[in-house]
N, C-alpha and C. Protein backbone atom coordinates (compact mmCIF):
# COMPACT_ATOMS: atom_id res chain seq x y z
N UNK A 1 80.59 -126.57 154.14
CA UNK A 1 81.27 -127.22 155.25
C UNK A 1 80.26 -128.05 156.03
N UNK A 2 80.52 -129.32 156.16
CA UNK A 2 79.54 -130.11 156.83
C UNK A 2 80.23 -131.23 157.66
N UNK A 3 79.71 -131.64 158.78
CA UNK A 3 80.22 -132.68 159.58
C UNK A 3 79.01 -133.54 160.01
N UNK A 4 79.14 -134.82 159.83
CA UNK A 4 78.05 -135.66 160.28
C UNK A 4 78.61 -136.71 161.21
N UNK A 5 78.26 -136.65 162.52
CA UNK A 5 78.82 -137.57 163.49
C UNK A 5 77.62 -138.42 164.01
N UNK A 6 77.83 -139.36 164.82
CA UNK A 6 76.80 -140.19 165.31
C UNK A 6 75.84 -139.40 166.26
N UNK A 7 76.36 -138.34 166.83
CA UNK A 7 75.50 -137.59 167.87
C UNK A 7 75.14 -136.14 167.36
N UNK A 8 75.66 -135.66 166.25
CA UNK A 8 75.32 -134.32 165.89
C UNK A 8 75.52 -134.16 164.36
N UNK A 9 74.85 -133.08 163.84
CA UNK A 9 75.01 -132.81 162.47
C UNK A 9 75.12 -131.20 162.35
N UNK A 10 76.06 -130.75 161.59
CA UNK A 10 76.22 -129.31 161.36
C UNK A 10 76.48 -129.07 159.93
N UNK A 11 75.84 -128.06 159.36
CA UNK A 11 76.12 -127.64 157.97
C UNK A 11 76.01 -126.23 157.88
N UNK A 12 76.72 -125.65 156.95
CA UNK A 12 76.73 -124.28 156.80
C UNK A 12 76.86 -123.78 155.36
N UNK A 13 76.43 -122.58 155.09
CA UNK A 13 76.53 -121.98 153.74
C UNK A 13 76.65 -120.51 153.90
N UNK A 14 77.02 -119.87 152.77
CA UNK A 14 77.19 -118.40 152.81
C UNK A 14 76.06 -117.71 152.08
N UNK A 15 75.80 -116.53 152.47
CA UNK A 15 74.92 -115.59 151.81
C UNK A 15 75.81 -114.50 151.19
N UNK A 16 75.94 -114.57 149.83
CA UNK A 16 76.96 -113.78 149.11
C UNK A 16 76.49 -112.40 149.10
N UNK A 17 75.14 -112.08 149.24
CA UNK A 17 74.63 -110.70 149.27
C UNK A 17 75.04 -109.97 150.51
N UNK A 18 74.75 -110.69 151.69
CA UNK A 18 75.04 -110.11 153.01
C UNK A 18 76.44 -110.36 153.42
N UNK A 19 77.25 -111.19 152.71
CA UNK A 19 78.57 -111.61 153.09
C UNK A 19 78.58 -112.12 154.50
N UNK A 20 77.61 -113.08 154.66
CA UNK A 20 77.46 -113.67 156.04
C UNK A 20 77.29 -115.23 155.81
N UNK A 21 77.80 -115.96 156.86
CA UNK A 21 77.63 -117.35 156.78
C UNK A 21 76.56 -117.72 157.90
N UNK A 22 75.86 -118.86 157.65
CA UNK A 22 74.98 -119.41 158.63
C UNK A 22 75.34 -120.81 158.91
N UNK A 23 75.35 -121.16 160.17
CA UNK A 23 75.68 -122.58 160.63
C UNK A 23 74.43 -123.17 161.28
N UNK A 24 73.98 -124.26 160.86
CA UNK A 24 72.85 -124.95 161.36
C UNK A 24 73.32 -126.21 162.03
N UNK A 25 72.97 -126.39 163.35
CA UNK A 25 73.49 -127.54 164.20
C UNK A 25 72.34 -128.18 164.79
N UNK A 26 72.34 -129.52 164.75
CA UNK A 26 71.29 -130.34 165.44
C UNK A 26 71.98 -131.48 166.13
N UNK A 27 71.61 -131.67 167.46
CA UNK A 27 72.22 -132.74 168.18
C UNK A 27 71.30 -134.03 168.09
N UNK A 28 71.74 -135.09 168.75
CA UNK A 28 70.92 -136.33 168.70
C UNK A 28 69.60 -136.32 169.40
N UNK A 29 69.26 -135.24 170.12
CA UNK A 29 67.97 -135.06 170.75
C UNK A 29 67.16 -134.03 170.00
N UNK A 30 67.54 -133.73 168.74
CA UNK A 30 66.82 -132.82 167.83
C UNK A 30 66.82 -131.33 168.33
N UNK A 31 67.79 -131.01 169.17
CA UNK A 31 67.91 -129.54 169.53
C UNK A 31 68.66 -128.79 168.40
N UNK A 32 67.92 -127.80 167.93
CA UNK A 32 68.45 -127.04 166.71
C UNK A 32 69.05 -125.77 167.23
N UNK A 33 70.13 -125.36 166.64
CA UNK A 33 70.88 -124.13 166.98
C UNK A 33 71.26 -123.47 165.63
N UNK A 34 71.03 -122.11 165.54
CA UNK A 34 71.46 -121.45 164.37
C UNK A 34 72.48 -120.35 164.70
N UNK A 35 73.65 -120.35 164.01
CA UNK A 35 74.66 -119.40 164.38
C UNK A 35 74.94 -118.45 163.11
N UNK A 36 75.13 -117.22 163.35
CA UNK A 36 75.50 -116.32 162.25
C UNK A 36 76.97 -116.07 162.28
N UNK A 37 77.65 -115.94 161.13
CA UNK A 37 79.02 -115.80 161.14
C UNK A 37 79.52 -114.97 159.91
N UNK A 38 80.79 -114.63 159.97
CA UNK A 38 81.53 -113.93 158.90
C UNK A 38 82.96 -114.37 158.77
N UNK A 39 83.43 -114.13 157.54
CA UNK A 39 84.83 -114.41 157.29
C UNK A 39 85.68 -113.39 158.08
N UNK A 40 86.69 -113.77 158.69
CA UNK A 40 87.62 -112.86 159.44
C UNK A 40 89.06 -113.37 159.11
N UNK A 41 89.63 -112.82 157.99
CA UNK A 41 90.89 -113.30 157.57
C UNK A 41 90.74 -114.72 157.03
N UNK A 42 91.56 -115.57 157.47
CA UNK A 42 91.47 -117.05 157.07
C UNK A 42 90.45 -117.78 157.86
N UNK A 43 89.87 -117.18 159.01
CA UNK A 43 88.86 -117.89 159.87
C UNK A 43 87.50 -117.51 159.42
N UNK A 44 86.59 -118.48 159.79
CA UNK A 44 85.15 -118.11 159.66
C UNK A 44 84.69 -118.26 161.10
N UNK A 45 84.01 -117.16 161.68
CA UNK A 45 83.68 -117.11 163.05
C UNK A 45 82.10 -117.03 163.12
N UNK A 46 81.45 -117.89 163.91
CA UNK A 46 80.05 -117.87 164.18
C UNK A 46 79.72 -117.60 165.55
N UNK A 47 78.53 -116.87 165.75
CA UNK A 47 78.15 -116.41 167.04
C UNK A 47 76.69 -116.81 167.33
N UNK A 48 76.35 -117.05 168.53
CA UNK A 48 75.00 -117.26 168.94
C UNK A 48 74.92 -116.98 170.49
N UNK A 49 73.85 -116.20 170.85
CA UNK A 49 73.59 -116.03 172.34
C UNK A 49 72.52 -116.96 172.76
N UNK A 50 72.81 -117.44 174.00
CA UNK A 50 71.76 -118.37 174.65
C UNK A 50 71.83 -118.12 176.16
N UNK A 51 70.80 -118.48 176.85
CA UNK A 51 70.83 -118.34 178.35
C UNK A 51 71.48 -119.55 178.97
N UNK A 52 72.21 -119.29 180.10
CA UNK A 52 72.77 -120.40 180.82
C UNK A 52 71.63 -121.04 181.76
N UNK A 53 71.99 -121.86 182.60
CA UNK A 53 70.99 -122.58 183.45
C UNK A 53 70.16 -121.59 184.37
N UNK A 54 70.81 -120.38 184.73
CA UNK A 54 70.14 -119.48 185.59
C UNK A 54 69.51 -118.32 184.84
N UNK A 55 69.58 -118.46 183.48
CA UNK A 55 68.91 -117.45 182.58
C UNK A 55 69.78 -116.28 182.20
N UNK A 56 71.04 -116.26 182.57
CA UNK A 56 71.90 -115.23 182.13
C UNK A 56 72.47 -115.44 180.78
N UNK A 57 72.65 -114.49 180.00
CA UNK A 57 73.05 -114.67 178.61
C UNK A 57 74.51 -115.13 178.49
N UNK A 58 74.75 -116.08 177.57
CA UNK A 58 76.04 -116.55 177.25
C UNK A 58 76.25 -116.42 175.78
N UNK A 59 77.35 -115.87 175.36
CA UNK A 59 77.63 -115.74 173.92
C UNK A 59 78.61 -116.91 173.59
N UNK A 60 78.25 -117.67 172.60
CA UNK A 60 78.90 -118.76 172.09
C UNK A 60 79.61 -118.42 170.75
N UNK A 61 80.89 -118.74 170.63
CA UNK A 61 81.60 -118.42 169.40
C UNK A 61 82.24 -119.81 168.87
N UNK A 62 81.98 -120.12 167.57
CA UNK A 62 82.64 -121.25 166.92
C UNK A 62 83.52 -120.73 165.90
N UNK A 63 84.78 -121.08 165.91
CA UNK A 63 85.81 -120.54 164.96
C UNK A 63 86.37 -121.74 164.15
N UNK A 64 86.24 -121.60 162.90
CA UNK A 64 86.87 -122.61 161.93
C UNK A 64 88.10 -122.00 161.34
N UNK A 65 89.25 -122.75 161.61
CA UNK A 65 90.58 -122.21 161.12
C UNK A 65 91.19 -123.28 160.23
N UNK A 66 91.56 -122.84 158.98
CA UNK A 66 92.15 -123.81 158.09
C UNK A 66 93.55 -124.31 158.55
N UNK A 67 93.91 -125.57 158.29
CA UNK A 67 95.21 -126.17 158.53
C UNK A 67 95.85 -126.33 157.14
N UNK A 68 96.35 -125.50 156.49
CA UNK A 68 96.95 -125.51 155.18
C UNK A 68 95.85 -125.99 154.23
N UNK A 69 96.12 -127.00 153.49
CA UNK A 69 95.09 -127.58 152.54
C UNK A 69 94.60 -128.90 153.08
N UNK A 70 95.04 -129.35 154.27
CA UNK A 70 94.70 -130.71 154.75
C UNK A 70 93.50 -130.76 155.61
N UNK A 71 92.91 -129.71 156.05
CA UNK A 71 91.76 -129.62 156.88
C UNK A 71 91.59 -128.40 157.65
N UNK A 72 90.96 -128.47 158.82
CA UNK A 72 90.63 -127.32 159.67
C UNK A 72 90.42 -127.71 161.03
N UNK A 73 90.49 -126.74 161.98
CA UNK A 73 90.07 -126.87 163.29
C UNK A 73 88.77 -126.22 163.63
N UNK A 74 88.01 -126.70 164.53
CA UNK A 74 86.72 -126.09 165.00
C UNK A 74 86.94 -125.90 166.48
N UNK A 75 86.98 -124.58 166.92
CA UNK A 75 87.09 -124.23 168.32
C UNK A 75 85.80 -123.69 168.85
N UNK A 76 85.42 -123.99 170.04
CA UNK A 76 84.24 -123.53 170.65
C UNK A 76 84.63 -122.77 171.89
N UNK A 77 84.13 -121.55 171.98
CA UNK A 77 84.46 -120.64 173.08
C UNK A 77 83.11 -120.02 173.71
N UNK A 78 83.16 -119.66 174.98
CA UNK A 78 82.02 -119.11 175.67
C UNK A 78 82.42 -117.82 176.29
N UNK A 79 81.52 -116.79 176.33
CA UNK A 79 81.75 -115.55 176.94
C UNK A 79 80.50 -115.22 177.82
N UNK A 80 80.71 -114.80 179.05
CA UNK A 80 79.64 -114.37 179.93
C UNK A 80 79.74 -112.81 180.15
N UNK A 81 80.61 -112.21 179.41
CA UNK A 81 80.70 -110.68 179.54
C UNK A 81 80.58 -109.97 178.17
N UNK A 82 79.70 -110.54 177.30
CA UNK A 82 79.43 -109.86 176.07
C UNK A 82 80.51 -109.97 175.02
N UNK A 83 81.49 -110.85 175.21
CA UNK A 83 82.60 -111.01 174.24
C UNK A 83 83.92 -110.32 174.66
N UNK A 84 83.88 -109.73 175.77
CA UNK A 84 85.10 -109.04 176.26
C UNK A 84 86.20 -110.10 176.57
N UNK A 85 85.81 -111.23 177.17
CA UNK A 85 86.76 -112.34 177.38
C UNK A 85 86.13 -113.64 176.93
N UNK A 86 86.95 -114.63 176.62
CA UNK A 86 86.39 -115.91 176.07
C UNK A 86 87.03 -117.03 176.83
N UNK A 87 86.25 -118.07 177.12
CA UNK A 87 86.72 -119.28 177.75
C UNK A 87 86.66 -120.48 176.72
N UNK A 88 87.79 -121.10 176.50
CA UNK A 88 87.81 -122.17 175.52
C UNK A 88 86.99 -123.40 176.05
N UNK A 89 86.19 -123.95 175.06
CA UNK A 89 85.37 -125.04 175.41
C UNK A 89 85.82 -126.32 174.79
N UNK A 90 86.68 -126.26 173.81
CA UNK A 90 87.15 -127.53 173.12
C UNK A 90 87.51 -127.23 171.69
N UNK A 91 88.43 -128.05 171.15
CA UNK A 91 88.88 -127.97 169.80
C UNK A 91 88.79 -129.26 169.17
N UNK A 92 88.20 -129.35 167.97
CA UNK A 92 88.19 -130.55 167.14
C UNK A 92 88.94 -130.27 165.87
N UNK A 93 89.67 -131.27 165.41
CA UNK A 93 90.39 -131.15 164.20
C UNK A 93 89.85 -132.13 163.19
N UNK A 94 89.56 -131.54 161.95
CA UNK A 94 89.05 -132.30 160.78
C UNK A 94 90.07 -132.34 159.70
N UNK A 95 90.30 -133.57 159.24
CA UNK A 95 91.28 -133.66 158.11
C UNK A 95 90.63 -134.20 156.93
N UNK A 96 91.15 -133.74 155.72
CA UNK A 96 90.57 -134.19 154.47
C UNK A 96 91.13 -135.67 154.21
N UNK A 97 90.26 -136.49 153.68
CA UNK A 97 90.71 -137.77 153.22
C UNK A 97 90.78 -137.80 151.75
N UNK A 98 91.74 -138.58 151.22
CA UNK A 98 91.80 -138.70 149.68
C UNK A 98 90.69 -139.40 149.11
């Protein structure tokens, strides 16, 4: 799974031994982020913890959900309570082209 935009690049692959996915993300300012994820039904969910501006931990979740065979959505969510509740940050839809 890969997406290459003018401002960001993300690529992922799975570790078949650990049954775990890794997502590597780099923005246009060369900020690198690594997310660990797992298959959850039809979705693949990635998680990463980072500090907010005041230093408090924020859990980031990126969820890829298939749209039939035509593509998938990428949802980004944030949690400030360790994953008990999630705030939507945005959804991007990717479509396959022939």
